[in-house]
Amino acid sequence: MGIQFWGLASTISRTSVVSGGIAIGGVLLLSLLPSLSQWLARYTPGALSSYEVKLVSGTAAFSDAVPALVITISLVVLLVAITVMVFLGQEL
């Protein structure tokens, strides 16, 4: 997800410092969301790292990780689409 935030941030801002700050802020926000509530802990992209450990150890089924995976893929597609729309709207 970090690369999508970086792409969107660098398209929106004019300087690399601002785009880096936006990208890091977005990644931190998504990383912190699972600690705010039980629902967010199951369905946000930050939850995928815990599912990785559970899937490898055999304590969770793949179907448990599917909602977080679908939301993550949807966010990636949304961020890329917004980035392309903003880029196409800019005057070069």
PDB file of N, CA and C in Angstrom:
ATOM      1  N   MET A   1       0.811  -1.188   0.000  1.00  0.00           N
ATOM      2  CA  MET A   1       0.000   0.000   0.000  1.00  0.00           C
ATOM      3  C   MET A   1       0.859   1.258   0.000  1.00  0.00           C
ATOM      4  N   GLY A   2       2.061   1.157   0.480  1.00  0.00           N
ATOM      5  CA  GLY A   2       2.914   2.328   0.565  1.00  0.00           C
ATOM      6  C   GLY A   2       3.208   2.950  -0.784  1.00  0.00           C
ATOM      7  N   ILE A   3       3.414   2.127  -1.785  1.00  0.00           N
ATOM      8  CA  ILE A   3       3.745   2.649  -3.110  1.00  0.00           C
ATOM      9  C   ILE A   3       2.557   3.394  -3.710  1.00  0.00           C
ATOM     10  N   GLN A   4       1.337   2.973  -3.401  1.00  0.00           N
ATOM     11  CA  GLN A   4       0.173   3.672  -3.917  1.00  0.00           C
ATOM     12  C   GLN A   4       0.033   5.036  -3.249  1.00  0.00           C
ATOM     13  N   PHE A   5       0.301   5.094  -1.937  1.00  0.00           N
ATOM     14  CA  PHE A   5       0.270   6.384  -1.250  1.00  0.00           C
ATOM     15  C   PHE A   5       1.353   7.308  -1.810  1.00  0.00           C
ATOM     16  N   TRP A   6       2.523   6.752  -2.082  1.00  0.00           N
ATOM     17  CA  TRP A   6       3.607   7.567  -2.624  1.00  0.00           C
ATOM     18  C   TRP A   6       3.232   8.114  -3.999  1.00  0.00           C
ATOM     19  N   GLY A   7       2.637   7.279  -4.839  1.00  0.00           N
ATOM     20  CA  GLY A   7       2.236   7.728  -6.167  1.00  0.00           C
ATOM     21  C   GLY A   7       1.196   8.828  -6.107  1.00  0.00           C
ATOM     22  N   LEU A   8       0.189   8.653  -5.262  1.00  0.00           N
ATOM     23  CA  LEU A   8      -0.844   9.671  -5.121  1.00  0.00           C
ATOM     24  C   LEU A   8      -0.262  10.945  -4.519  1.00  0.00           C
ATOM     25  N   ALA A   9       0.560  10.799  -3.497  1.00  0.00           N
ATOM     26  CA  ALA A   9       1.137  11.971  -2.830  1.00  0.00           C
ATOM     27  C   ALA A   9       2.055  12.742  -3.763  1.00  0.00           C
ATOM     28  N   SER A  10       2.845  12.049  -4.549  1.00  0.00           N
ATOM     29  CA  SER A  10       3.752  12.751  -5.451  1.00  0.00           C
ATOM     30  C   SER A  10       3.006  13.379  -6.621  1.00  0.00           C
ATOM     31  N   THR A  11       1.834  12.864  -6.944  1.00  0.00           N
ATOM     32  CA  THR A  11       1.015  13.472  -7.990  1.00  0.00           C
ATOM     33  C   THR A  11       0.324  14.733  -7.457  1.00  0.00           C
ATOM     34  N   ILE A  12      -0.101  14.703  -6.214  1.00  0.00           N
ATOM     35  CA  ILE A  12      -0.806  15.836  -5.622  1.00  0.00           C
ATOM     36  C   ILE A  12       0.137  16.985  -5.286  1.00  0.00           C
ATOM     37  N   SER A  13       1.287  16.672  -4.701  1.00  0.00           N
ATOM     38  CA  SER A  13       2.172  17.734  -4.213  1.00  0.00           C
ATOM     39  C   SER A  13       3.277  18.044  -5.221  1.00  0.00           C
ATOM     40  N   ARG A  14       3.891  19.172  -5.017  1.00  0.00           N
ATOM     41  CA  ARG A  14       4.953  19.616  -5.920  1.00  0.00           C
ATOM     42  C   ARG A  14       6.345  19.257  -5.414  1.00  0.00           C
ATOM     43  N   THR A  15       6.505  19.000  -4.115  1.00  0.00           N
ATOM     44  CA  THR A  15       7.836  18.713  -3.567  1.00  0.00           C
ATOM     45  C   THR A  15       7.895  17.294  -3.033  1.00  0.00           C
ATOM     46  N   SER A  16       9.086  16.747  -3.026  1.00  0.00           N
ATOM     47  CA  SER A  16       9.252  15.372  -2.545  1.00  0.00           C
ATOM     48  C   SER A  16       9.098  15.277  -1.035  1.00  0.00           C
ATOM     49  N   VAL A  17       9.387  16.346  -0.313  1.00  0.00           N
ATOM     50  CA  VAL A  17       9.238  16.324   1.147  1.00  0.00           C
ATOM     51  C   VAL A  17       7.768  16.210   1.526  1.00  0.00           C
ATOM     52  N   VAL A  18       6.927  16.993   0.875  1.00  0.00           N
ATOM     53  CA  VAL A  18       5.490  16.944   1.158  1.00  0.00           C
ATOM     54  C   VAL A  18       4.915  15.588   0.733  1.00  0.00           C
ATOM     55  N   SER A  19       5.303  15.108  -0.419  1.00  0.00           N
ATOM     56  CA  SER A  19       4.773  13.821  -0.869  1.00  0.00           C
ATOM     57  C   SER A  19       5.248  12.682   0.035  1.00  0.00           C
ATOM     58  N   GLY A  20       6.480  12.767   0.513  1.00  0.00           N
ATOM     59  CA  GLY A  20       6.960  11.759   1.457  1.00  0.00           C
ATOM     60  C   GLY A  20       6.183  11.797   2.758  1.00  0.00           C
ATOM     61  N   GLY A  21       5.881  13.001   3.240  1.00  0.00           N
ATOM     62  CA  GLY A  21       5.094  13.131   4.466  1.00  0.00           C
ATOM     63  C   GLY A  21       3.693  12.584   4.315  1.00  0.00           C
ATOM     64  N   ILE A  22       3.060  12.871   3.186  1.00  0.00           N
ATOM     65  CA  ILE A  22       1.714  12.353   2.928  1.00  0.00           C
ATOM     66  C   ILE A  22       1.742  10.824   2.840  1.00  0.00           C
ATOM     67  N   ALA A  23       2.716  10.280   2.136  1.00  0.00           N
ATOM     68  CA  ALA A  23       2.810   8.827   1.974  1.00  0.00           C
ATOM     69  C   ALA A  23       3.067   8.136   3.311  1.00  0.00           C
ATOM     70  N   ILE A  24       3.993   8.666   4.091  1.00  0.00           N
ATOM     71  CA  ILE A  24       4.296   8.064   5.395  1.00  0.00           C
ATOM     72  C   ILE A  24       3.090   8.183   6.323  1.00  0.00           C
ATOM     73  N   GLY A  25       2.412   9.343   6.277  1.00  0.00           N
ATOM     74  CA  GLY A  25       1.210   9.516   7.097  1.00  0.00           C
ATOM     75  C   GLY A  25       0.118   8.530   6.729  1.00  0.00           C
ATOM     76  N   GLY A  26      -0.080   8.303   5.444  1.00  0.00           N
ATOM     77  CA  GLY A  26      -1.092   7.341   5.016  1.00  0.00           C
ATOM     78  C   GLY A  26      -0.775   5.915   5.447  1.00  0.00           C
ATOM     79  N   VAL A  27       0.477   5.538   5.317  1.00  0.00           N
ATOM     80  CA  VAL A  27       0.884   4.191   5.733  1.00  0.00           C
ATOM     81  C   VAL A  27       0.750   4.035   7.248  1.00  0.00           C
ATOM     82  N   LEU A  28       1.154   5.052   8.001  1.00  0.00           N
ATOM     83  CA  LEU A  28       1.012   4.995   9.462  1.00  0.00           C
ATOM     84  C   LEU A  28      -0.456   4.915   9.873  1.00  0.00           C
ATOM     85  N   LEU A  29      -1.297   5.680   9.205  1.00  0.00           N
ATOM     86  CA  LEU A  29      -2.721   5.639   9.515  1.00  0.00           C
ATOM     87  C   LEU A  29      -3.289   4.241   9.306  1.00  0.00           C
ATOM     88  N   LEU A  30      -2.974   3.635   8.171  1.00  0.00           N
ATOM     89  CA  LEU A  30      -3.470   2.281   7.915  1.00  0.00           C
ATOM     90  C   LEU A  30      -2.868   1.255   8.863  1.00  0.00           C
ATOM     91  N   SER A  31      -1.663   1.503   9.344  1.00  0.00           N
ATOM     92  CA  SER A  31      -1.035   0.585  10.296  1.00  0.00           C
ATOM     93  C   SER A  31      -1.656   0.696  11.674  1.00  0.00           C
ATOM     94  N   LEU A  32      -2.124   1.892  12.029  1.00  0.00           N
ATOM     95  CA  LEU A  32      -2.695   2.109  13.357  1.00  0.00           C
ATOM     96  C   LEU A  32      -4.181   1.767  13.443  1.00  0.00           C
ATOM     97  N   LEU A  33      -4.876   1.738  12.337  1.00  0.00           N
ATOM     98  CA  LEU A  33      -6.315   1.477  12.351  1.00  0.00           C
ATOM     99  C   LEU A  33      -6.707   0.180  13.062  1.00  0.00           C
ATOM    100  N   PRO A  34      -5.977  -0.920  12.903  1.00  0.00           N
ATOM    101  CA  PRO A  34      -6.389  -2.153  13.572  1.00  0.00           C
ATOM    102  C   PRO A  34      -6.406  -2.049  15.097  1.00  0.00           C
ATOM    103  N   SER A  35      -5.657  -1.135  15.668  1.00  0.00           N
ATOM    104  CA  SER A  35      -5.635  -1.015  17.127  1.00  0.00           C
ATOM    105  C   SER A  35      -6.817  -0.214  17.675  1.00  0.00           C
ATOM    106  N   LEU A  36      -7.616   0.406  16.809  1.00  0.00           N
ATOM    107  CA  LEU A  36      -8.716   1.243  17.269  1.00  0.00           C
ATOM    108  C   LEU A  36      -9.983   0.464  17.610  1.00  0.00           C
ATOM    109  N   SER A  37     -10.273  -0.594  16.881  1.00  0.00           N
ATOM    110  CA  SER A  37     -11.464  -1.392  17.186  1.00  0.00           C
ATOM    111  C   SER A  37     -11.286  -2.808  16.661  1.00  0.00           C
ATOM    112  N   GLN A  38     -12.130  -3.686  17.139  1.00  0.00           N
ATOM    113  CA  GLN A  38     -12.066  -5.093  16.734  1.00  0.00           C
ATOM    114  C   GLN A  38     -12.451  -5.245  15.257  1.00  0.00           C
ATOM    115  N   TRP A  39     -13.433  -4.459  14.797  1.00  0.00           N
ATOM    116  CA  TRP A  39     -13.842  -4.543  13.396  1.00  0.00           C
ATOM    117  C   TRP A  39     -12.703  -4.134  12.478  1.00  0.00           C
ATOM    118  N   LEU A  40     -12.048  -3.014  12.810  1.00  0.00           N
ATOM    119  CA  LEU A  40     -10.928  -2.556  11.992  1.00  0.00           C
ATOM    120  C   LEU A  40      -9.762  -3.540  12.047  1.00  0.00           C
ATOM    121  N   ALA A  41      -9.620  -4.215  13.172  1.00  0.00           N
ATOM    122  CA  ALA A  41      -8.537  -5.191  13.303  1.00  0.00           C
ATOM    123  C   ALA A  41      -8.728  -6.381  12.371  1.00  0.00           C
ATOM    124  N   ARG A  42      -9.950  -6.647  11.984  1.00  0.00           N
ATOM    125  CA  ARG A  42     -10.209  -7.785  11.095  1.00  0.00           C
ATOM    126  C   ARG A  42     -10.233  -7.414   9.623  1.00  0.00           C
ATOM    127  N   TYR A  43     -10.572  -6.155   9.299  1.00  0.00           N
ATOM    128  CA  TYR A  43     -10.878  -5.834   7.913  1.00  0.00           C
ATOM    129  C   TYR A  43      -9.998  -4.786   7.252  1.00  0.00           C
ATOM    130  N   THR A  44      -9.018  -4.245   7.922  1.00  0.00           N
ATOM    131  CA  THR A  44      -8.159  -3.235   7.300  1.00  0.00           C
ATOM    132  C   THR A  44      -6.874  -3.866   6.774  1.00  0.00           C
ATOM    133  N   PRO A  45      -6.173  -3.170   5.891  1.00  0.00           N
ATOM    134  CA  PRO A  45      -4.920  -3.710   5.360  1.00  0.00           C
ATOM    135  C   PRO A  45      -3.882  -4.006   6.439  1.00  0.00           C
ATOM    136  N   GLY A  46      -3.914  -3.294   7.533  1.00  0.00           N
ATOM    137  CA  GLY A  46      -2.975  -3.556   8.620  1.00  0.00           C
ATOM    138  C   GLY A  46      -3.167  -4.918   9.266  1.00  0.00           C
ATOM    139  N   ALA A  47      -4.333  -5.510   9.084  1.00  0.00           N
ATOM    140  CA  ALA A  47      -4.614  -6.820   9.660  1.00  0.00           C
ATOM    141  C   ALA A  47      -3.962  -7.952   8.874  1.00  0.00           C
ATOM    142  N   LEU A  48      -3.537  -7.686   7.656  1.00  0.00           N
ATOM    143  CA  LEU A  48      -2.980  -8.758   6.833  1.00  0.00           C
ATOM    144  C   LEU A  48      -1.706  -9.344   7.414  1.00  0.00           C
ATOM    145  N   SER A  49      -0.920  -8.540   8.108  1.00  0.00           N
ATOM    146  CA  SER A  49       0.316  -9.078   8.688  1.00  0.00           C
ATOM    147  C   SER A  49       0.024 -10.090   9.787  1.00  0.00           C
ATOM    148  N   SER A  50      -1.030  -9.887  10.558  1.00  0.00           N
ATOM    149  CA  SER A  50      -1.374 -10.873  11.587  1.00  0.00           C
ATOM    150  C   SER A  50      -1.944 -12.139  10.958  1.00  0.00           C
ATOM    151  N   TYR A  51      -2.687 -11.990   9.861  1.00  0.00           N
ATOM    152  CA  TYR A  51      -3.207 -13.172   9.171  1.00  0.00           C
ATOM    153  C   TYR A  51      -2.079 -13.992   8.553  1.00  0.00           C
ATOM    154  N   GLU A  52      -1.031 -13.325   8.131  1.00  0.00           N
ATOM    155  CA  GLU A  52       0.103 -14.046   7.552  1.00  0.00           C
ATOM    156  C   GLU A  52       0.680 -15.042   8.562  1.00  0.00           C
ATOM    157  N   VAL A  53       0.888 -14.582   9.773  1.00  0.00           N
ATOM    158  CA  VAL A  53       1.444 -15.450  10.823  1.00  0.00           C
ATOM    159  C   VAL A  53       0.460 -16.561  11.163  1.00  0.00           C
ATOM    160  N   LYS A  54      -0.820 -16.227  11.262  1.00  0.00           N
ATOM    161  CA  LYS A  54      -1.834 -17.227  11.601  1.00  0.00           C
ATOM    162  C   LYS A  54      -1.990 -18.270  10.502  1.00  0.00           C
ATOM    163  N   LEU A  55      -1.911 -17.852   9.242  1.00  0.00           N
ATOM    164  CA  LEU A  55      -2.041 -18.808   8.142  1.00  0.00           C
ATOM    165  C   LEU A  55      -0.858 -19.768   8.094  1.00  0.00           C
ATOM    166  N   VAL A  56       0.335 -19.247   8.316  1.00  0.00           N
ATOM    167  CA  VAL A  56       1.518 -20.099   8.285  1.00  0.00           C
ATOM    168  C   VAL A  56       1.503 -21.090   9.448  1.00  0.00           C
ATOM    169  N   SER A  57       1.061 -20.635  10.625  1.00  0.00           N
ATOM    170  CA  SER A  57       1.045 -21.518  11.790  1.00  0.00           C
ATOM    171  C   SER A  57      -0.157 -22.458  11.786  1.00  0.00           C
ATOM    172  N   GLY A  58      -1.131 -22.221  10.926  1.00  0.00           N
ATOM    173  CA  GLY A  58      -2.284 -23.105  10.831  1.00  0.00           C
ATOM    174  C   GLY A  58      -3.389 -22.782  11.807  1.00  0.00           C
ATOM    175  N   THR A  59      -3.349 -21.622  12.460  1.00  0.00           N
ATOM    176  CA  THR A  59      -4.391 -21.264  13.424  1.00  0.00           C
ATOM    177  C   THR A  59      -5.539 -20.480  12.796  1.00  0.00           C
ATOM    178  N   ALA A  60      -5.447 -20.179  11.500  1.00  0.00           N
ATOM    179  CA  ALA A  60      -6.531 -19.482  10.805  1.00  0.00           C
ATOM    180  C   ALA A  60      -6.660 -20.041   9.397  1.00  0.00           C
ATOM    181  N   ALA A  61      -7.862 -19.957   8.873  1.00  0.00           N
ATOM    182  CA  ALA A  61      -8.119 -20.394   7.504  1.00  0.00           C
ATOM    183  C   ALA A  61      -7.971 -19.200   6.559  1.00  0.00           C
ATOM    184  N   PHE A  62      -7.739 -19.490   5.301  1.00  0.00           N
ATOM    185  CA  PHE A  62      -7.595 -18.426   4.305  1.00  0.00           C
ATOM    186  C   PHE A  62      -8.861 -17.578   4.220  1.00  0.00           C
ATOM    187  N   SER A  63     -10.010 -18.204   4.422  1.00  0.00           N
ATOM    188  CA  SER A  63     -11.280 -17.470   4.342  1.00  0.00           C
ATOM    189  C   SER A  63     -11.376 -16.377   5.408  1.00  0.00           C
ATOM    190  N   ASP A  64     -10.643 -16.510   6.503  1.00  0.00           N
ATOM    191  CA  ASP A  64     -10.628 -15.461   7.525  1.00  0.00           C
ATOM    192  C   ASP A  64      -9.945 -14.199   7.014  1.00  0.00           C
ATOM    193  N   ALA A  65      -8.967 -14.347   6.142  1.00  0.00           N
ATOM    194  CA  ALA A  65      -8.197 -13.211   5.632  1.00  0.00           C
ATOM    195  C   ALA A  65      -8.805 -12.583   4.387  1.00  0.00           C
ATOM    196  N   VAL A  66      -9.795 -13.220   3.787  1.00  0.00           N
ATOM    197  CA  VAL A  66     -10.360 -12.725   2.531  1.00  0.00           C
ATOM    198  C   VAL A  66     -10.963 -11.321   2.662  1.00  0.00           C
ATOM    199  N   PRO A  67     -11.742 -11.005   3.702  1.00  0.00           N
ATOM    200  CA  PRO A  67     -12.285  -9.637   3.772  1.00  0.00           C
ATOM    201  C   PRO A  67     -11.193  -8.565   3.799  1.00  0.00           C
ATOM    202  N   ALA A  68     -10.159  -8.752   4.584  1.00  0.00           N
ATOM    203  CA  ALA A  68      -9.062  -7.779   4.634  1.00  0.00           C
ATOM    204  C   ALA A  68      -8.341  -7.720   3.292  1.00  0.00           C
ATOM    205  N   LEU A  69      -8.210  -8.839   2.634  1.00  0.00           N
ATOM    206  CA  LEU A  69      -7.559  -8.872   1.324  1.00  0.00           C
ATOM    207  C   LEU A  69      -8.385  -8.134   0.276  1.00  0.00           C
ATOM    208  N   VAL A  70      -9.689  -8.316   0.296  1.00  0.00           N
ATOM    209  CA  VAL A  70     -10.578  -7.638  -0.658  1.00  0.00           C
ATOM    210  C   VAL A  70     -10.548  -6.123  -0.423  1.00  0.00           C
ATOM    211  N   ILE A  71     -10.587  -5.700   0.831  1.00  0.00           N
ATOM    212  CA  ILE A  71     -10.536  -4.271   1.143  1.00  0.00           C
ATOM    213  C   ILE A  71      -9.198  -3.683   0.724  1.00  0.00           C
ATOM    214  N   THR A  72      -8.119  -4.415   0.945  1.00  0.00           N
ATOM    215  CA  THR A  72      -6.798  -3.937   0.549  1.00  0.00           C
ATOM    216  C   THR A  72      -6.692  -3.784  -0.961  1.00  0.00           C
ATOM    217  N   ILE A  73      -7.147  -4.767  -1.694  1.00  0.00           N
ATOM    218  CA  ILE A  73      -7.109  -4.699  -3.154  1.00  0.00           C
ATOM    219  C   ILE A  73      -7.995  -3.553  -3.655  1.00  0.00           C
ATOM    220  N   SER A  74      -9.154  -3.376  -3.027  1.00  0.00           N
ATOM    221  CA  SER A  74     -10.042  -2.276  -3.411  1.00  0.00           C
ATOM    222  C   SER A  74      -9.386  -0.924  -3.169  1.00  0.00           C
ATOM    223  N   LEU A  75      -8.696  -0.773  -2.037  1.00  0.00           N
ATOM    224  CA  LEU A  75      -7.998   0.478  -1.749  1.00  0.00           C
ATOM    225  C   LEU A  75      -6.875   0.734  -2.742  1.00  0.00           C
ATOM    226  N   VAL A  76      -6.154  -0.301  -3.125  1.00  0.00           N
ATOM    227  CA  VAL A  76      -5.083  -0.144  -4.107  1.00  0.00           C
ATOM    228  C   VAL A  76      -5.654   0.338  -5.439  1.00  0.00           C
ATOM    229  N   VAL A  77      -6.725  -0.298  -5.893  1.00  0.00           N
ATOM    230  CA  VAL A  77      -7.345   0.096  -7.155  1.00  0.00           C
ATOM    231  C   VAL A  77      -7.869   1.532  -7.060  1.00  0.00           C
ATOM    232  N   LEU A  78      -8.488   1.886  -5.946  1.00  0.00           N
ATOM    233  CA  LEU A  78      -9.005   3.241  -5.757  1.00  0.00           C
ATOM    234  C   LEU A  78      -7.888   4.278  -5.765  1.00  0.00           C
ATOM    235  N   LEU A  79      -6.806   4.012  -5.041  1.00  0.00           N
ATOM    236  CA  LEU A  79      -5.694   4.958  -5.003  1.00  0.00           C
ATOM    237  C   LEU A  79      -5.029   5.118  -6.369  1.00  0.00           C
ATOM    238  N   VAL A  80      -4.875   4.027  -7.096  1.00  0.00           N
ATOM    239  CA  VAL A  80      -4.285   4.115  -8.439  1.00  0.00           C
ATOM    240  C   VAL A  80      -5.214   4.889  -9.374  1.00  0.00           C
ATOM    241  N   ALA A  81      -6.511   4.648  -9.288  1.00  0.00           N
ATOM    242  CA  ALA A  81      -7.465   5.359 -10.148  1.00  0.00           C
ATOM    243  C   ALA A  81      -7.457   6.853  -9.830  1.00  0.00           C
ATOM    244  N   ILE A  82      -7.434   7.218  -8.554  1.00  0.00           N
ATOM    245  CA  ILE A  82      -7.379   8.637  -8.175  1.00  0.00           C
ATOM    246  C   ILE A  82      -6.085   9.261  -8.667  1.00  0.00           C
ATOM    247  N   THR A  83      -4.981   8.535  -8.528  1.00  0.00           N
ATOM    248  CA  THR A  83      -3.695   9.051  -8.990  1.00  0.00           C
ATOM    249  C   THR A  83      -3.714   9.317 -10.494  1.00  0.00           C
ATOM    250  N   VAL A  84      -4.245   8.392 -11.262  1.00  0.00           N
ATOM    251  CA  VAL A  84      -4.303   8.560 -12.717  1.00  0.00           C
ATOM    252  C   VAL A  84      -5.204   9.733 -13.083  1.00  0.00           C
ATOM    253  N   MET A  85      -6.357   9.862 -12.408  1.00  0.00           N
ATOM    254  CA  MET A  85      -7.271  10.964 -12.710  1.00  0.00           C
ATOM    255  C   MET A  85      -6.634  12.314 -12.386  1.00  0.00           C
ATOM    256  N   VAL A  86      -5.943  12.408 -11.248  1.00  0.00           N
ATOM    257  CA  VAL A  86      -5.293  13.654 -10.881  1.00  0.00           C
ATOM    258  C   VAL A  86      -4.169  13.971 -11.867  1.00  0.00           C
ATOM    259  N   PHE A  87      -3.392  12.958 -12.221  1.00  0.00           N
ATOM    260  CA  PHE A  87      -2.282  13.163 -13.151  1.00  0.00           C
ATOM    261  C   PHE A  87      -2.771  13.627 -14.520  1.00  0.00           C
ATOM    262  N   LEU A  88      -3.821  13.002 -15.006  1.00  0.00           N
ATOM    263  CA  LEU A  88      -4.359  13.383 -16.316  1.00  0.00           C
ATOM    264  C   LEU A  88      -4.958  14.785 -16.295  1.00  0.00           C
ATOM    265  N   GLY A  89      -5.415  15.232 -15.143  1.00  0.00           N
ATOM    266  CA  GLY A  89      -5.991  16.560 -15.033  1.00  0.00           C
ATOM    267  C   GLY A  89      -4.967  17.668 -14.867  1.00  0.00           C
ATOM    268  N   GLN A  90      -3.718  17.304 -14.614  1.00  0.00           N
ATOM    269  CA  GLN A  90      -2.682  18.316 -14.421  1.00  0.00           C
ATOM    270  C   GLN A  90      -2.148  18.809 -15.754  1.00  0.00           C
ATOM    271  N   GLU A  91      -1.736  20.059 -15.737  1.00  0.00           N
ATOM    272  CA  GLU A  91      -1.092  20.629 -16.912  1.00  0.00           C
ATOM    273  C   GLU A  91       0.401  20.453 -16.786  1.00  0.00           C
ATOM    274  N   LEU A  92       1.012  19.823 -17.759  1.00  0.00           N
ATOM    275  CA  LEU A  92       2.446  19.558 -17.680  1.00  0.00           C
ATOM    276  C   LEU A  92       3.269  20.661 -18.289  1.00  0.00           C
TER     277      LEU A  92
END
